[in-house]
Amino acid sequence: MKKSVLFHLSVLIFFAGCMATNRVESVSTSKMEKNSRVGVIYFSNLSGYPNAGIVVAEAITSLLYSLPIRIVESSRISEAVPEYRIIDLNDPLKLEYAGRKLHLDYIIYGYVEEYGYRSSGYGERSSPVISFSVYIFDVKRKKIVYKGFFHTSSENVAGVGTDPLLLLLKDVTKWFYQDLKEKLF
C-alpha cells in the first residue's frame, strides 16, 4: 500500500514539474481614458539576456495597438528624452517630465527580472522562463495607476521552427493585455 501511494505521489510531482507555472499579480487604482496618448518606455533589463527589456516592451506595444488608445513607441520616447536612463524612470518627477515633453497622458514602463532559459539541474533540459513587472504612470495625476507582475515558465512549450522563449513571451504578454483590458477599460 505504501509503495502504491509513494508511486502515485512521485508521478503527480513529476507531471506537476513538467507543466507551466504561471503567476499574475496586479492592482489597478483607476480607469484609463479612451483616446489617451500612451508612451511605452523600453523596460529595464535586470536579466542576463541581452535586450530583454526591449523585446518585452515591443511585444507589449504590439498588443496595445488594438486598444482605444494612441500609442507612442519606445524608440520615439528614447529619442525625445535621451538624458534619462530607463532604469531611473521610477522617479515620478522624471516620469512627469518625460510625459509632459511628449504630451502623454500615461507612461508604461517596467522591469524584466528573468528572460531566458533555466535548468533545474545538471544534465536536464533547460526550460524557458519570463518574469517582468509593469507600471502605468498617470502623467496628469502624477501617480501610478497600475502595477502588475507576470511570471511564467514551462517545460512543454514547443513549436516547429520557433524559439520556445518567444512562444512563452507571446502567452505572457497576452495575459498582461487581458488583465489591462479588464482593469483599466
C-alpha atoms as a PDB file:
ATOM      1  CA  MET A   1       0.000   0.000   0.000  1.00  0.00           C
ATOM      2  CA  LYS A   2       2.791   2.433   0.937  1.00  0.00           C
ATOM      3  CA  LYS A   3       4.625   1.731  -2.331  1.00  0.00           C
ATOM      4  CA  SER A   4       1.474   2.444  -4.339  1.00  0.00           C
ATOM      5  CA  VAL A   5       0.900   5.777  -2.587  1.00  0.00           C
ATOM      6  CA  LEU A   6       4.564   6.755  -2.993  1.00  0.00           C
ATOM      7  CA  PHE A   7       4.468   5.802  -6.668  1.00  0.00           C
ATOM      8  CA  HIS A   8       1.323   7.867  -7.341  1.00  0.00           C
ATOM      9  CA  LEU A   9       2.735  10.793  -5.390  1.00  0.00           C
ATOM     10  CA  SER A  10       6.010  10.711  -7.342  1.00  0.00           C
ATOM     11  CA  VAL A  11       4.122  10.547 -10.677  1.00  0.00           C
ATOM     12  CA  LEU A  12       1.997  13.522  -9.614  1.00  0.00           C
ATOM     13  CA  ILE A  13       5.101  15.522  -8.641  1.00  0.00           C
ATOM     14  CA  PHE A  14       6.782  14.612 -11.933  1.00  0.00           C
ATOM     15  CA  PHE A  15       3.843  15.816 -14.047  1.00  0.00           C
ATOM     16  CA  ALA A  16       3.425  18.949 -11.957  1.00  0.00           C
ATOM     17  CA  GLY A  17       7.069  19.796 -12.672  1.00  0.00           C
ATOM     18  CA  CYS A  18       6.523  19.412 -16.415  1.00  0.00           C
ATOM     19  CA  MET A  19       3.567  21.766 -16.522  1.00  0.00           C
ATOM     20  CA  ALA A  20       3.757  25.521 -16.886  1.00  0.00           C
ATOM     21  CA  THR A  21       3.991  27.634 -13.781  1.00  0.00           C
ATOM     22  CA  ASN A  22       2.145  30.899 -14.076  1.00  0.00           C
ATOM     23  CA  ARG A  23       1.777  33.783 -11.701  1.00  0.00           C
ATOM     24  CA  VAL A  24      -0.094  37.021 -12.304  1.00  0.00           C
ATOM     25  CA  GLU A  25      -0.481  39.697  -9.663  1.00  0.00           C
ATOM     26  CA  SER A  26      -1.822  43.144 -10.443  1.00  0.00           C
ATOM     27  CA  VAL A  27      -3.503  46.150  -8.885  1.00  0.00           C
ATOM     28  CA  SER A  28      -5.333  48.990 -10.618  1.00  0.00           C
ATOM     29  CA  THR A  29      -6.488  52.206  -8.957  1.00  0.00           C
ATOM     30  CA  SER A  30      -8.426  53.879 -11.782  1.00  0.00           C
ATOM     31  CA  LYS A  31      -9.673  53.524 -15.351  1.00  0.00           C
ATOM     32  CA  MET A  32      -7.745  54.706 -18.394  1.00  0.00           C
ATOM     33  CA  GLU A  33      -9.471  57.250 -20.619  1.00  0.00           C
ATOM     34  CA  LYS A  34     -10.136  56.321 -24.244  1.00  0.00           C
ATOM     35  CA  ASN A  35      -8.022  58.038 -26.911  1.00  0.00           C
ATOM     36  CA  SER A  36      -5.320  58.776 -24.338  1.00  0.00           C
ATOM     37  CA  ARG A  37      -1.754  59.182 -25.552  1.00  0.00           C
ATOM     38  CA  VAL A  38       0.247  56.340 -24.040  1.00  0.00           C
ATOM     39  CA  GLY A  39       4.004  56.016 -24.238  1.00  0.00           C
ATOM     40  CA  VAL A  40       5.766  52.709 -23.752  1.00  0.00           C
ATOM     41  CA  ILE A  41       9.332  53.014 -22.478  1.00  0.00           C
ATOM     42  CA  TYR A  42      11.826  50.221 -23.051  1.00  0.00           C
ATOM     43  CA  PHE A  43      11.808  48.088 -19.921  1.00  0.00           C
ATOM     44  CA  SER A  44      14.860  47.971 -17.683  1.00  0.00           C
ATOM     45  CA  ASN A  45      16.657  44.697 -18.180  1.00  0.00           C
ATOM     46  CA  LEU A  46      17.617  43.026 -14.917  1.00  0.00           C
ATOM     47  CA  SER A  47      18.028  39.628 -16.566  1.00  0.00           C
ATOM     48  CA  GLY A  48      21.168  38.257 -18.163  1.00  0.00           C
ATOM     49  CA  TYR A  49      19.573  38.085 -21.615  1.00  0.00           C
ATOM     50  CA  PRO A  50      20.692  40.914 -23.936  1.00  0.00           C
ATOM     51  CA  ASN A  51      17.918  43.331 -24.956  1.00  0.00           C
ATOM     52  CA  ALA A  52      15.218  41.554 -22.926  1.00  0.00           C
ATOM     53  CA  GLY A  53      13.786  44.939 -21.875  1.00  0.00           C
ATOM     54  CA  ILE A  54      13.409  45.988 -25.495  1.00  0.00           C
ATOM     55  CA  VAL A  55      11.892  42.636 -26.519  1.00  0.00           C
ATOM     56  CA  VAL A  56       9.244  42.689 -23.762  1.00  0.00           C
ATOM     57  CA  ALA A  57       8.353  46.365 -24.337  1.00  0.00           C
ATOM     58  CA  GLU A  58       7.964  45.807 -28.084  1.00  0.00           C
ATOM     59  CA  ALA A  59       5.803  42.697 -27.538  1.00  0.00           C
ATOM     60  CA  ILE A  60       3.523  44.632 -25.188  1.00  0.00           C
ATOM     61  CA  THR A  61       3.389  47.621 -27.546  1.00  0.00           C
ATOM     62  CA  SER A  62       2.252  45.460 -30.457  1.00  0.00           C
ATOM     63  CA  LEU A  63      -0.731  44.195 -28.444  1.00  0.00           C
ATOM     64  CA  LEU A  64      -1.717  47.672 -27.229  1.00  0.00           C
ATOM     65  CA  TYR A  65      -2.491  48.862 -30.761  1.00  0.00           C
ATOM     66  CA  SER A  66      -5.854  47.090 -30.597  1.00  0.00           C
ATOM     67  CA  LEU A  67      -6.967  49.144 -27.565  1.00  0.00           C
ATOM     68  CA  PRO A  68      -8.760  52.503 -27.918  1.00  0.00           C
ATOM     69  CA  ILE A  69      -5.594  54.477 -27.093  1.00  0.00           C
ATOM     70  CA  ARG A  70      -2.918  56.233 -29.140  1.00  0.00           C
ATOM     71  CA  ILE A  71       0.485  54.609 -28.734  1.00  0.00           C
ATOM     72  CA  VAL A  72       3.782  56.478 -28.757  1.00  0.00           C
ATOM     73  CA  GLU A  73       6.502  53.940 -29.445  1.00  0.00           C
ATOM     74  CA  SER A  74       9.524  53.330 -27.248  1.00  0.00           C
ATOM     75  CA  SER A  75      12.010  54.497 -29.860  1.00  0.00           C
ATOM     76  CA  ARG A  76      10.328  57.924 -30.065  1.00  0.00           C
ATOM     77  CA  ILE A  77      10.466  58.297 -26.288  1.00  0.00           C
ATOM     78  CA  SER A  78      14.150  57.328 -26.180  1.00  0.00           C
ATOM     79  CA  GLU A  79      14.919  59.922 -28.869  1.00  0.00           C
ATOM     80  CA  ALA A  80      12.909  62.677 -27.175  1.00  0.00           C
ATOM     81  CA  VAL A  81      14.226  62.069 -23.655  1.00  0.00           C
ATOM     82  CA  PRO A  82      17.791  60.761 -24.117  1.00  0.00           C
ATOM     83  CA  GLU A  83      19.079  62.344 -20.915  1.00  0.00           C
ATOM     84  CA  TYR A  84      17.340  59.752 -18.737  1.00  0.00           C
ATOM     85  CA  ARG A  85      18.365  56.169 -18.426  1.00  0.00           C
ATOM     86  CA  ILE A  86      15.405  53.835 -18.410  1.00  0.00           C
ATOM     87  CA  ILE A  87      16.320  52.364 -15.030  1.00  0.00           C
ATOM     88  CA  ASP A  88      15.973  55.836 -13.454  1.00  0.00           C
ATOM     89  CA  LEU A  89      12.398  56.237 -14.633  1.00  0.00           C
ATOM     90  CA  ASN A  90      10.856  55.009 -11.400  1.00  0.00           C
ATOM     91  CA  ASP A  91      11.105  58.624 -10.226  1.00  0.00           C
ATOM     92  CA  PRO A  92       7.719  60.413 -10.530  1.00  0.00           C
ATOM     93  CA  LEU A  93       9.365  63.740 -11.366  1.00  0.00           C
ATOM     94  CA  LYS A  94      11.279  62.219 -14.279  1.00  0.00           C
ATOM     95  CA  LEU A  95       8.203  60.366 -15.486  1.00  0.00           C
ATOM     96  CA  GLU A  96       6.164  63.569 -15.332  1.00  0.00           C
ATOM     97  CA  TYR A  97       8.875  65.469 -17.221  1.00  0.00           C
ATOM     98  CA  ALA A  98       9.039  62.827 -19.972  1.00  0.00           C
ATOM     99  CA  GLY A  99       5.239  62.679 -20.201  1.00  0.00           C
ATOM    100  CA  ARG A 100       4.819  66.431 -20.460  1.00  0.00           C
ATOM    101  CA  LYS A 101       7.626  66.786 -23.003  1.00  0.00           C
ATOM    102  CA  LEU A 102       5.913  64.245 -25.281  1.00  0.00           C
ATOM    103  CA  HIS A 103       2.325  65.311 -24.440  1.00  0.00           C
ATOM    104  CA  LEU A 104       1.495  61.886 -22.983  1.00  0.00           C
ATOM    105  CA  ASP A 105      -1.371  61.005 -20.683  1.00  0.00           C
ATOM    106  CA  TYR A 106       0.162  57.729 -19.464  1.00  0.00           C
ATOM    107  CA  ILE A 107       3.590  56.113 -19.478  1.00  0.00           C
ATOM    108  CA  ILE A 108       4.053  52.356 -19.383  1.00  0.00           C
ATOM    109  CA  TYR A 109       7.389  51.156 -18.072  1.00  0.00           C
ATOM    110  CA  GLY A 110       8.718  48.137 -16.264  1.00  0.00           C
ATOM    111  CA  TYR A 111      11.472  45.755 -15.338  1.00  0.00           C
ATOM    112  CA  VAL A 112      12.373  42.379 -16.817  1.00  0.00           C
ATOM    113  CA  GLU A 113      13.538  40.254 -13.905  1.00  0.00           C
ATOM    114  CA  GLU A 114      14.025  36.985 -15.817  1.00  0.00           C
ATOM    115  CA  TYR A 115      14.123  36.233 -19.506  1.00  0.00           C
ATOM    116  CA  GLY A 116      15.832  33.189 -20.890  1.00  0.00           C
ATOM    117  CA  TYR A 117      16.301  29.536 -20.135  1.00  0.00           C
ATOM    118  CA  ARG A 118      16.654  27.931 -16.743  1.00  0.00           C
ATOM    119  CA  SER A 119      17.882  24.454 -15.985  1.00  0.00           C
ATOM    120  CA  SER A 120      16.619  22.734 -12.870  1.00  0.00           C
ATOM    121  CA  GLY A 121      19.662  20.513 -12.545  1.00  0.00           C
ATOM    122  CA  TYR A 122      22.781  19.120 -14.147  1.00  0.00           C
ATOM    123  CA  GLY A 123      22.078  17.316 -17.395  1.00  0.00           C
ATOM    124  CA  GLU A 124      18.441  18.361 -17.526  1.00  0.00           C
ATOM    125  CA  ARG A 125      16.795  20.185 -20.388  1.00  0.00           C
ATOM    126  CA  SER A 126      16.529  23.938 -19.955  1.00  0.00           C
ATOM    127  CA  SER A 127      13.062  25.473 -19.852  1.00  0.00           C
ATOM    128  CA  PRO A 128      12.054  28.988 -20.922  1.00  0.00           C
ATOM    129  CA  VAL A 129      11.203  31.461 -18.147  1.00  0.00           C
ATOM    130  CA  ILE A 130       9.941  35.049 -18.231  1.00  0.00           C
ATOM    131  CA  SER A 131       9.252  37.405 -15.308  1.00  0.00           C
ATOM    132  CA  PHE A 132       8.512  41.089 -15.626  1.00  0.00           C
ATOM    133  CA  SER A 133       6.881  43.940 -13.733  1.00  0.00           C
ATOM    134  CA  VAL A 134       4.730  46.579 -15.451  1.00  0.00           C
ATOM    135  CA  TYR A 135       3.751  50.023 -14.191  1.00  0.00           C
ATOM    136  CA  ILE A 136       1.412  52.596 -15.717  1.00  0.00           C
ATOM    137  CA  PHE A 137       2.038  56.157 -14.620  1.00  0.00           C
ATOM    138  CA  ASP A 138      -0.714  58.790 -14.979  1.00  0.00           C
ATOM    139  CA  VAL A 139       1.122  61.963 -16.004  1.00  0.00           C
ATOM    140  CA  LYS A 140      -1.708  64.357 -15.051  1.00  0.00           C
ATOM    141  CA  ARG A 141      -2.306  62.908 -11.593  1.00  0.00           C
ATOM    142  CA  LYS A 142       1.391  62.156 -11.045  1.00  0.00           C
ATOM    143  CA  LYS A 143       0.787  58.665  -9.722  1.00  0.00           C
ATOM    144  CA  ILE A 144       0.992  55.029 -10.676  1.00  0.00           C
ATOM    145  CA  VAL A 145      -2.450  53.701 -11.652  1.00  0.00           C
ATOM    146  CA  TYR A 146      -1.500  50.109 -12.480  1.00  0.00           C
ATOM    147  CA  LYS A 147       1.072  47.666 -11.115  1.00  0.00           C
ATOM    148  CA  GLY A 148       1.465  44.157 -12.413  1.00  0.00           C
ATOM    149  CA  PHE A 149       3.836  41.245 -12.024  1.00  0.00           C
ATOM    150  CA  PHE A 150       3.822  38.432 -14.560  1.00  0.00           C
ATOM    151  CA  HIS A 151       5.830  35.215 -14.342  1.00  0.00           C
ATOM    152  CA  THR A 152       5.739  32.057 -16.381  1.00  0.00           C
ATOM    153  CA  SER A 153       7.946  29.101 -17.128  1.00  0.00           C
ATOM    154  CA  SER A 154       7.251  25.890 -18.946  1.00  0.00           C
ATOM    155  CA  GLU A 155       8.855  22.592 -19.780  1.00  0.00           C
ATOM    156  CA  ASN A 156       6.326  21.857 -22.523  1.00  0.00           C
ATOM    157  CA  VAL A 157       6.475  24.897 -24.803  1.00  0.00           C
ATOM    158  CA  ALA A 158       7.264  23.669 -28.285  1.00  0.00           C
ATOM    159  CA  GLY A 159       6.858  24.986 -31.775  1.00  0.00           C
ATOM    160  CA  VAL A 160       8.181  23.930 -35.132  1.00  0.00           C
ATOM    161  CA  GLY A 161      10.882  26.371 -36.164  1.00  0.00           C
ATOM    162  CA  THR A 162      10.017  28.814 -33.366  1.00  0.00           C
ATOM    163  CA  ASP A 163      12.016  29.614 -30.269  1.00  0.00           C
ATOM    164  CA  PRO A 164      10.079  28.323 -27.211  1.00  0.00           C
ATOM    165  CA  LEU A 165      11.015  31.514 -25.363  1.00  0.00           C
ATOM    166  CA  LEU A 166       9.191  33.613 -27.967  1.00  0.00           C
ATOM    167  CA  LEU A 167       6.105  31.402 -27.701  1.00  0.00           C
ATOM    168  CA  LEU A 168       6.168  31.874 -23.944  1.00  0.00           C
ATOM    169  CA  LEU A 169       6.573  35.647 -24.405  1.00  0.00           C
ATOM    170  CA  LYS A 170       3.503  35.671 -26.633  1.00  0.00           C
ATOM    171  CA  ASP A 171       1.472  33.938 -23.923  1.00  0.00           C
ATOM    172  CA  VAL A 172       2.616  36.138 -21.038  1.00  0.00           C
ATOM    173  CA  THR A 173       2.035  39.398 -22.929  1.00  0.00           C
ATOM    174  CA  LYS A 174      -1.474  38.191 -23.763  1.00  0.00           C
ATOM    175  CA  TRP A 175      -2.105  37.782 -20.015  1.00  0.00           C
ATOM    176  CA  PHE A 176      -0.960  41.353 -19.449  1.00  0.00           C
ATOM    177  CA  TYR A 177      -3.187  42.571 -22.285  1.00  0.00           C
ATOM    178  CA  GLN A 178      -6.241  40.727 -20.885  1.00  0.00           C
ATOM    179  CA  ASP A 179      -5.563  41.996 -17.381  1.00  0.00           C
ATOM    180  CA  LEU A 180      -5.150  45.546 -18.662  1.00  0.00           C
ATOM    181  CA  LYS A 181      -8.431  45.383 -20.613  1.00  0.00           C
ATOM    182  CA  GLU A 182     -10.325  44.083 -17.591  1.00  0.00           C
ATOM    183  CA  LYS A 183      -8.905  46.508 -15.041  1.00  0.00           C
ATOM    184  CA  LEU A 184      -8.296  49.735 -16.961  1.00  0.00           C
ATOM    185  CA  PHE A 185     -11.053  49.865 -19.592  1.00  0.00           C
END
